[in-house]
Amino acid sequence: MRLSRLTRILRVAALVAVVAPMAAPALAAAAPDRPDPDVAARAVAQYYASFGADPGTRPDPGAAARAVGRYYASFGAEQPLPPPRIVAATARPLPGPDGPSWAAALVAGALAALAAVGLGVITGRRSIRVRHG
């Protein structure tokens, strides 16, 4: 039986639509997600060499704490957060839902199913049927 061109295209598209979501996690798991340790060691050595420090020496904890304190002090004085009840009183409610409702999702799913049935009927009528007997 010879199928129409549209039917062959739709069959390949359906195969891709079914197989692609199953293959995506396997492809994502195969991708390397950890950097090479030699690259990281070279980056650390380059960083310490940029200000003339030996990569084997680390600053003492007191100097590190003072440097962090100077960094945070550069942003200015601390400003405390208001209590939660004041924030809740000044916050305005959202104007509406932030996404489609369940009813809209059900209607969209039903329309997609009807469209798929319609495409099946159209392509079925256009295909050539071989009569037996």
Protein backbone atom coordinates (compact mmCIF):
# COMPACT_ATOMS: atom_id res chain seq x y z
CA MET A 1 0.00 0.00 0.00
CA ARG A 2 1.40 3.38 -0.99
CA LEU A 3 0.86 6.22 1.49
CA SER A 4 0.48 9.83 0.53
CA ARG A 5 3.35 12.24 1.11
CA LEU A 6 1.45 14.05 3.86
CA THR A 7 0.86 10.77 5.70
CA ARG A 8 4.54 9.85 5.53
CA ILE A 9 5.55 13.28 6.83
CA LEU A 10 3.04 13.10 9.68
CA ARG A 11 4.23 9.60 10.64
CA VAL A 12 7.85 10.78 10.83
CA ALA A 13 6.82 13.86 12.83
CA ALA A 14 4.84 11.70 15.27
CA LEU A 15 7.80 9.36 15.66
CA VAL A 16 10.10 12.28 16.43
CA ALA A 17 7.55 13.74 18.87
CA VAL A 18 7.36 10.44 20.75
CA VAL A 19 11.07 9.49 20.71
CA ALA A 20 12.63 12.93 21.39
CA PRO A 21 11.28 13.36 24.96
CA MET A 22 12.50 9.87 25.84
CA ALA A 23 15.98 10.48 24.43
CA ALA A 24 16.47 13.96 25.95
CA PRO A 25 17.31 12.82 29.53
CA ALA A 26 19.82 10.29 28.23
CA LEU A 27 21.53 12.93 26.13
CA ALA A 28 21.60 15.37 29.04
CA ALA A 29 23.10 12.72 31.33
CA ALA A 30 25.82 11.97 28.80
CA ALA A 31 27.01 15.59 28.77
CA PRO A 32 30.00 16.25 31.06
CA ASP A 33 29.01 18.45 33.97
CA ARG A 34 32.25 18.58 35.97
CA PRO A 35 35.25 20.68 34.91
CA ASP A 36 38.61 19.07 34.38
CA PRO A 37 40.60 19.24 37.67
CA ASP A 38 43.75 20.32 35.79
CA VAL A 39 41.89 23.31 34.37
CA ALA A 40 40.69 24.28 37.84
CA ALA A 41 44.20 23.95 39.30
CA ARG A 42 45.64 26.12 36.53
CA ALA A 43 42.94 28.75 37.13
CA VAL A 44 43.70 28.89 40.86
CA ALA A 45 47.43 29.15 40.19
CA GLN A 46 46.83 31.92 37.66
CA TYR A 47 44.62 33.79 40.15
CA TYR A 48 47.22 33.69 42.93
CA ALA A 49 50.01 34.57 40.51
CA SER A 50 48.06 37.67 39.41
CA PHE A 51 48.80 39.42 42.72
CA GLY A 52 52.18 37.85 43.37
CA ALA A 53 51.17 35.23 45.95
CA ASP A 54 52.42 31.70 46.06
CA PRO A 55 49.51 29.30 45.31
CA GLY A 56 50.56 27.11 48.26
CA THR A 57 50.14 29.92 50.80
CA ARG A 58 46.76 31.02 52.02
CA PRO A 59 45.99 34.18 54.00
CA ASP A 60 45.42 33.74 57.71
CA PRO A 61 41.76 33.54 58.82
CA GLY A 62 41.93 36.90 60.63
CA ALA A 63 43.09 38.74 57.52
CA ALA A 64 40.43 37.00 55.45
CA ALA A 65 37.72 37.99 57.96
CA ARG A 66 38.90 41.61 57.97
CA ALA A 67 38.85 41.67 54.14
CA VAL A 68 35.30 40.33 54.11
CA GLY A 69 34.27 42.92 56.71
CA ARG A 70 35.77 45.74 54.62
CA TYR A 71 33.93 44.42 51.57
CA TYR A 72 30.54 44.41 53.32
CA ALA A 73 31.21 47.80 54.92
CA SER A 74 31.75 49.28 51.45
CA PHE A 75 27.99 48.90 50.81
CA GLY A 76 27.08 51.34 53.59
CA ALA A 77 25.16 51.07 56.82
CA GLU A 78 22.82 48.15 57.44
CA GLN A 79 19.15 48.79 56.85
CA PRO A 80 16.86 46.36 58.69
CA LEU A 81 13.99 44.75 56.85
CA PRO A 82 10.49 45.87 57.84
CA PRO A 83 8.39 43.44 59.88
CA PRO A 84 6.27 41.05 57.81
CA ARG A 85 2.93 42.62 58.78
CA ILE A 86 3.98 45.98 57.32
CA VAL A 87 5.13 44.35 54.11
CA ALA A 88 1.85 42.42 53.84
CA ALA A 89 -0.16 45.61 54.38
CA THR A 90 1.67 47.52 51.65
CA ALA A 91 1.70 44.69 49.10
CA ARG A 92 -1.05 44.92 46.50
CA PRO A 93 -2.83 41.75 45.42
CA LEU A 94 -2.11 40.49 41.94
CA PRO A 95 -4.60 41.55 39.26
CA GLY A 96 -5.45 38.01 38.22
CA PRO A 97 -4.17 34.47 37.85
CA ASP A 98 -0.55 34.14 36.81
CA GLY A 99 -1.19 31.39 34.28
CA PRO A 100 -3.90 29.43 32.51
CA SER A 101 -6.56 27.81 34.63
CA TRP A 102 -7.31 24.10 34.73
CA ALA A 103 -10.42 24.68 32.64
CA ALA A 104 -8.41 26.42 29.92
CA ALA A 105 -5.87 23.59 29.95
CA LEU A 106 -8.64 20.98 29.59
CA VAL A 107 -10.24 22.88 26.71
CA ALA A 108 -6.86 23.25 24.97
CA GLY A 109 -6.19 19.51 25.40
CA ALA A 110 -9.59 18.59 24.00
CA LEU A 111 -9.08 20.88 21.01
CA ALA A 112 -5.65 19.35 20.38
CA ALA A 113 -7.17 15.85 20.47
CA LEU A 114 -9.90 16.89 18.04
CA ALA A 115 -7.28 18.40 15.72
CA ALA A 116 -5.31 15.15 15.80
CA VAL A 117 -8.45 13.14 14.98
CA GLY A 118 -9.26 15.53 12.15
CA LEU A 119 -5.77 15.21 10.69
CA GLY A 120 -6.06 11.44 10.93
CA VAL A 121 -9.36 11.47 9.04
CA ILE A 122 -8.01 13.83 6.38
CA THR A 123 -4.86 11.83 5.78
CA GLY A 124 -6.81 8.57 5.85
CA ARG A 125 -9.10 9.78 3.08
CA ARG A 126 -6.20 10.92 0.94
CA SER A 127 -4.27 7.68 1.17
CA ILE A 128 -4.69 5.03 -1.50
CA ARG A 129 -6.52 1.96 -0.33
CA VAL A 130 -5.85 -1.37 -1.95
CA ARG A 131 -8.99 -3.44 -2.21
CA HIS A 132 -8.64 -7.14 -1.60
CA GLY A 133 -10.79 -9.75 -3.11
